[in-house]
Amino acid sequence: MKFVLTWTNRANGTPVENVEGFESTLKLLSSWQPGPEVTMREWLVRCDAAGGFAVLETDDPGALYRDIATWNPWISFEVHPVLDIAESTPRLAEAVGTAKSAL
């Protein structure tokens, strides 16, 4: 299944605490990789340095949970399961037909 993650930094401390948080984030980032069950398609940062986005695929939500939990002290996440438009369009047509039958 495909997911889009949005994330924002947990920079709620003093400037010194925030810099220390970024330093520890960089330390973890230098050696961290997603688990083998998770394929990272895109990993993007916002140009305001306040967060970013990731597009990934996995059939193991537990692996996704583990990877997110690793970063949770530094980053707040929203996780959105998504479908490709080519897959969603026929399903939408079916759903519209069902809904229309009730009108």
N, C-alpha and C. Protein backbone atom coordinates (compact mmCIF):
# COMPACT_ATOMS: atom_id res chain seq x y z
N MET A 1 0.84 -1.17 0.00
CA MET A 1 0.00 0.00 0.00
C MET A 1 0.89 1.23 0.00
N LYS A 2 0.38 2.28 -0.63
CA LYS A 2 1.13 3.53 -0.72
C LYS A 2 0.64 4.51 0.35
N PHE A 3 1.58 5.25 0.94
CA PHE A 3 1.29 6.24 1.97
C PHE A 3 2.00 7.55 1.64
N VAL A 4 1.36 8.65 2.04
CA VAL A 4 2.02 9.95 2.03
C VAL A 4 2.10 10.40 3.48
N LEU A 5 3.31 10.72 3.91
CA LEU A 5 3.53 11.23 5.26
C LEU A 5 3.80 12.72 5.16
N THR A 6 3.18 13.48 6.04
CA THR A 6 3.58 14.86 6.23
C THR A 6 4.22 14.94 7.60
N TRP A 7 5.26 15.74 7.71
CA TRP A 7 5.92 15.83 9.00
C TRP A 7 6.34 17.27 9.28
N THR A 8 6.33 17.59 10.57
CA THR A 8 6.81 18.89 11.03
C THR A 8 7.77 18.65 12.19
N ASN A 9 8.73 19.53 12.31
CA ASN A 9 9.72 19.44 13.38
C ASN A 9 9.08 19.79 14.72
N ARG A 10 9.52 19.13 15.76
CA ARG A 10 9.08 19.46 17.12
C ARG A 10 10.08 20.46 17.71
N ALA A 11 10.09 21.66 17.19
CA ALA A 11 11.02 22.70 17.65
C ALA A 11 10.28 23.64 18.58
N ASN A 12 9.99 23.17 19.80
CA ASN A 12 9.19 23.94 20.74
C ASN A 12 10.01 24.45 21.93
N GLY A 13 11.30 24.32 21.86
CA GLY A 13 12.12 24.72 22.99
C GLY A 13 12.76 26.08 22.78
N THR A 14 13.78 26.33 23.57
CA THR A 14 14.58 27.54 23.40
C THR A 14 15.41 27.39 22.13
N PRO A 15 15.99 28.47 21.63
CA PRO A 15 16.86 28.31 20.47
C PRO A 15 17.97 27.28 20.70
N VAL A 16 18.57 27.26 21.88
CA VAL A 16 19.63 26.29 22.17
C VAL A 16 19.07 24.87 22.12
N GLU A 17 17.91 24.65 22.73
CA GLU A 17 17.30 23.32 22.71
C GLU A 17 16.93 22.90 21.29
N ASN A 18 16.44 23.85 20.50
CA ASN A 18 16.07 23.53 19.11
C ASN A 18 17.30 23.15 18.29
N VAL A 19 18.39 23.88 18.46
CA VAL A 19 19.63 23.54 17.74
C VAL A 19 20.13 22.16 18.18
N GLU A 20 20.07 21.87 19.47
CA GLU A 20 20.48 20.54 19.95
C GLU A 20 19.58 19.46 19.35
N GLY A 21 18.29 19.76 19.22
CA GLY A 21 17.38 18.80 18.60
C GLY A 21 17.74 18.54 17.14
N PHE A 22 18.07 19.61 16.41
CA PHE A 22 18.50 19.43 15.02
C PHE A 22 19.80 18.65 14.94
N GLU A 23 20.72 18.90 15.87
CA GLU A 23 21.99 18.15 15.87
C GLU A 23 21.74 16.67 16.10
N SER A 24 20.87 16.33 17.04
CA SER A 24 20.60 14.90 17.29
C SER A 24 19.84 14.28 16.12
N THR A 25 18.98 15.07 15.45
CA THR A 25 18.31 14.58 14.26
C THR A 25 19.32 14.24 13.17
N LEU A 26 20.28 15.13 12.96
CA LEU A 26 21.32 14.88 11.95
C LEU A 26 22.15 13.65 12.30
N LYS A 27 22.41 13.46 13.60
CA LYS A 27 23.17 12.28 14.03
C LYS A 27 22.40 11.00 13.69
N LEU A 28 21.11 10.97 14.00
CA LEU A 28 20.31 9.79 13.69
C LEU A 28 20.21 9.60 12.18
N LEU A 29 20.00 10.69 11.46
CA LEU A 29 19.84 10.61 10.01
C LEU A 29 21.08 10.04 9.32
N SER A 30 22.25 10.27 9.89
CA SER A 30 23.49 9.80 9.26
C SER A 30 23.59 8.28 9.21
N SER A 31 22.84 7.58 10.07
CA SER A 31 22.94 6.11 10.07
C SER A 31 21.60 5.40 9.89
N TRP A 32 20.50 6.15 9.86
CA TRP A 32 19.17 5.53 9.81
C TRP A 32 18.74 5.25 8.38
N GLN A 33 18.07 4.11 8.20
CA GLN A 33 17.39 3.77 6.94
C GLN A 33 16.05 3.16 7.30
N PRO A 34 15.05 3.35 6.43
CA PRO A 34 13.78 2.68 6.72
C PRO A 34 13.97 1.17 6.73
N GLY A 35 13.09 0.48 7.45
CA GLY A 35 13.16 -0.97 7.49
C GLY A 35 13.04 -1.56 6.09
N PRO A 36 13.50 -2.80 5.91
CA PRO A 36 13.47 -3.42 4.59
C PRO A 36 12.07 -3.63 4.05
N GLU A 37 11.05 -3.56 4.92
CA GLU A 37 9.67 -3.74 4.48
C GLU A 37 9.07 -2.46 3.90
N VAL A 38 9.80 -1.36 4.03
CA VAL A 38 9.29 -0.04 3.61
C VAL A 38 10.15 0.47 2.45
N THR A 39 9.50 0.84 1.36
CA THR A 39 10.19 1.43 0.21
C THR A 39 9.89 2.92 0.18
N MET A 40 10.92 3.73 0.35
CA MET A 40 10.78 5.18 0.31
C MET A 40 10.88 5.63 -1.14
N ARG A 41 9.79 6.14 -1.71
CA ARG A 41 9.78 6.60 -3.09
C ARG A 41 10.29 8.03 -3.22
N GLU A 42 9.87 8.89 -2.30
CA GLU A 42 10.33 10.28 -2.28
C GLU A 42 10.41 10.72 -0.83
N TRP A 43 11.42 11.55 -0.55
CA TRP A 43 11.58 12.12 0.79
C TRP A 43 11.96 13.57 0.58
N LEU A 44 11.04 14.45 0.92
CA LEU A 44 11.18 15.86 0.56
C LEU A 44 11.13 16.73 1.81
N VAL A 45 11.85 17.84 1.78
CA VAL A 45 11.78 18.81 2.87
C VAL A 45 11.17 20.11 2.35
N ARG A 46 10.47 20.79 3.22
CA ARG A 46 9.90 22.09 2.87
C ARG A 46 11.01 23.13 2.87
N CYS A 47 10.91 24.10 2.01
CA CYS A 47 11.94 25.13 1.90
C CYS A 47 11.96 26.07 3.09
N ASP A 48 10.95 26.02 3.95
CA ASP A 48 10.98 26.83 5.17
C ASP A 48 11.64 26.07 6.33
N ALA A 49 12.11 24.85 6.06
CA ALA A 49 12.81 23.99 7.03
C ALA A 49 11.93 23.59 8.22
N ALA A 50 10.62 23.70 8.07
CA ALA A 50 9.72 23.37 9.17
C ALA A 50 9.18 21.95 9.11
N GLY A 51 9.49 21.22 8.03
CA GLY A 51 8.97 19.87 7.90
C GLY A 51 9.16 19.34 6.50
N GLY A 52 8.30 18.40 6.12
CA GLY A 52 8.44 17.83 4.79
C GLY A 52 7.39 16.77 4.52
N PHE A 53 7.69 15.98 3.49
CA PHE A 53 6.76 14.98 2.98
C PHE A 53 7.54 13.73 2.59
N ALA A 54 6.88 12.60 2.63
CA ALA A 54 7.48 11.36 2.14
C ALA A 54 6.40 10.55 1.45
N VAL A 55 6.77 9.90 0.37
CA VAL A 55 5.90 8.96 -0.32
C VAL A 55 6.56 7.61 -0.19
N LEU A 56 5.84 6.64 0.37
CA LEU A 56 6.43 5.33 0.58
C LEU A 56 5.42 4.24 0.36
N GLU A 57 5.93 3.03 0.25
CA GLU A 57 5.07 1.86 0.07
C GLU A 57 5.47 0.78 1.06
N THR A 58 4.46 0.12 1.60
CA THR A 58 4.68 -1.03 2.46
C THR A 58 3.39 -1.82 2.60
N ASP A 59 3.52 -3.11 2.79
CA ASP A 59 2.38 -3.96 3.11
C ASP A 59 2.37 -4.30 4.59
N ASP A 60 3.30 -3.69 5.34
CA ASP A 60 3.45 -3.98 6.76
C ASP A 60 3.28 -2.70 7.58
N PRO A 61 2.06 -2.39 8.04
CA PRO A 61 1.88 -1.17 8.81
C PRO A 61 2.69 -1.16 10.11
N GLY A 62 3.00 -2.33 10.63
CA GLY A 62 3.84 -2.38 11.83
C GLY A 62 5.24 -1.85 11.57
N ALA A 63 5.78 -2.13 10.39
CA ALA A 63 7.10 -1.61 10.03
C ALA A 63 7.05 -0.10 9.88
N LEU A 64 5.97 0.40 9.29
CA LEU A 64 5.81 1.85 9.17
C LEU A 64 5.72 2.49 10.55
N TYR A 65 4.96 1.87 11.43
CA TYR A 65 4.85 2.36 12.81
C TYR A 65 6.22 2.43 13.48
N ARG A 66 6.99 1.37 13.35
CA ARG A 66 8.33 1.33 13.96
C ARG A 66 9.19 2.47 13.44
N ASP A 67 9.19 2.68 12.12
CA ASP A 67 10.02 3.73 11.55
C ASP A 67 9.57 5.11 12.01
N ILE A 68 8.27 5.34 12.07
CA ILE A 68 7.76 6.62 12.55
C ILE A 68 8.08 6.81 14.03
N ALA A 69 7.90 5.78 14.83
CA ALA A 69 8.17 5.87 16.26
C ALA A 69 9.63 6.22 16.54
N THR A 70 10.54 5.76 15.69
CA THR A 70 11.95 6.09 15.85
C THR A 70 12.16 7.60 15.84
N TRP A 71 11.44 8.29 14.97
CA TRP A 71 11.61 9.74 14.78
C TRP A 71 10.69 10.58 15.64
N ASN A 72 9.77 9.96 16.34
CA ASN A 72 8.74 10.70 17.08
C ASN A 72 9.28 11.70 18.11
N PRO A 73 10.42 11.49 18.76
CA PRO A 73 10.91 12.52 19.68
C PRO A 73 11.23 13.85 19.00
N TRP A 74 11.51 13.84 17.70
CA TRP A 74 11.93 15.04 16.98
C TRP A 74 10.88 15.56 16.00
N ILE A 75 10.01 14.67 15.52
CA ILE A 75 9.14 14.99 14.39
C ILE A 75 7.70 14.55 14.69
N SER A 76 6.74 15.38 14.30
CA SER A 76 5.32 15.04 14.40
C SER A 76 4.84 14.63 13.00
N PHE A 77 4.12 13.53 12.91
CA PHE A 77 3.70 12.96 11.63
C PHE A 77 2.19 12.96 11.45
N GLU A 78 1.77 13.04 10.19
CA GLU A 78 0.43 12.67 9.76
C GLU A 78 0.63 11.64 8.65
N VAL A 79 -0.12 10.55 8.70
CA VAL A 79 0.03 9.46 7.74
C VAL A 79 -1.27 9.32 6.96
N HIS A 80 -1.15 9.35 5.63
CA HIS A 80 -2.31 9.28 4.76
C HIS A 80 -2.16 8.11 3.79
N PRO A 81 -2.99 7.05 3.91
CA PRO A 81 -2.99 6.01 2.88
C PRO A 81 -3.55 6.63 1.59
N VAL A 82 -2.95 6.31 0.46
CA VAL A 82 -3.37 6.91 -0.81
C VAL A 82 -3.46 5.85 -1.90
N LEU A 83 -4.19 6.19 -2.98
CA LEU A 83 -4.31 5.35 -4.17
C LEU A 83 -3.84 6.15 -5.38
N ASP A 84 -3.29 5.48 -6.36
CA ASP A 84 -3.00 6.12 -7.63
C ASP A 84 -4.32 6.50 -8.29
N ILE A 85 -4.33 7.59 -9.02
CA ILE A 85 -5.56 8.08 -9.65
C ILE A 85 -6.15 7.04 -10.60
N ALA A 86 -5.30 6.29 -11.30
CA ALA A 86 -5.80 5.26 -12.23
C ALA A 86 -6.54 4.16 -11.48
N GLU A 87 -6.16 3.89 -10.26
CA GLU A 87 -6.85 2.87 -9.47
C GLU A 87 -8.12 3.43 -8.82
N SER A 88 -8.09 4.71 -8.46
CA SER A 88 -9.24 5.29 -7.76
C SER A 88 -10.39 5.66 -8.68
N THR A 89 -10.11 6.03 -9.92
CA THR A 89 -11.16 6.51 -10.82
C THR A 89 -12.27 5.49 -11.06
N PRO A 90 -11.97 4.23 -11.40
CA PRO A 90 -13.07 3.27 -11.59
C PRO A 90 -13.83 3.01 -10.28
N ARG A 91 -13.15 3.08 -9.17
CA ARG A 91 -13.83 2.87 -7.88
C ARG A 91 -14.76 4.04 -7.57
N LEU A 92 -14.31 5.25 -7.94
CA LEU A 92 -15.16 6.43 -7.76
C LEU A 92 -16.40 6.31 -8.63
N ALA A 93 -16.22 5.87 -9.87
CA ALA A 93 -17.37 5.71 -10.77
C ALA A 93 -18.37 4.71 -10.19
N GLU A 94 -17.87 3.64 -9.63
CA GLU A 94 -18.75 2.64 -9.00
C GLU A 94 -19.47 3.24 -7.82
N ALA A 95 -18.75 3.99 -7.00
CA ALA A 95 -19.36 4.62 -5.81
C ALA A 95 -20.42 5.65 -6.21
N VAL A 96 -20.15 6.43 -7.26
CA VAL A 96 -21.13 7.41 -7.74
C VAL A 96 -22.39 6.69 -8.21
N GLY A 97 -22.21 5.57 -8.91
CA GLY A 97 -23.37 4.80 -9.35
C GLY A 97 -24.20 4.31 -8.19
N THR A 98 -23.55 3.83 -7.16
CA THR A 98 -24.28 3.37 -5.96
C THR A 98 -25.01 4.53 -5.29
N ALA A 99 -24.30 5.65 -5.14
CA ALA A 99 -24.92 6.82 -4.50
C ALA A 99 -26.09 7.34 -5.33
N LYS A 100 -25.93 7.36 -6.65
CA LYS A 100 -26.97 7.86 -7.54
C LYS A 100 -28.24 7.02 -7.44
N SER A 101 -28.08 5.71 -7.20
CA SER A 101 -29.26 4.84 -7.11
C SER A 101 -30.13 5.18 -5.89
N ALA A 102 -29.58 5.91 -4.96
CA ALA A 102 -30.35 6.29 -3.77
C ALA A 102 -31.02 7.63 -3.92
N LEU A 103 -30.78 8.31 -5.03
CA LEU A 103 -31.39 9.66 -5.22
C LEU A 103 -32.79 9.57 -5.77
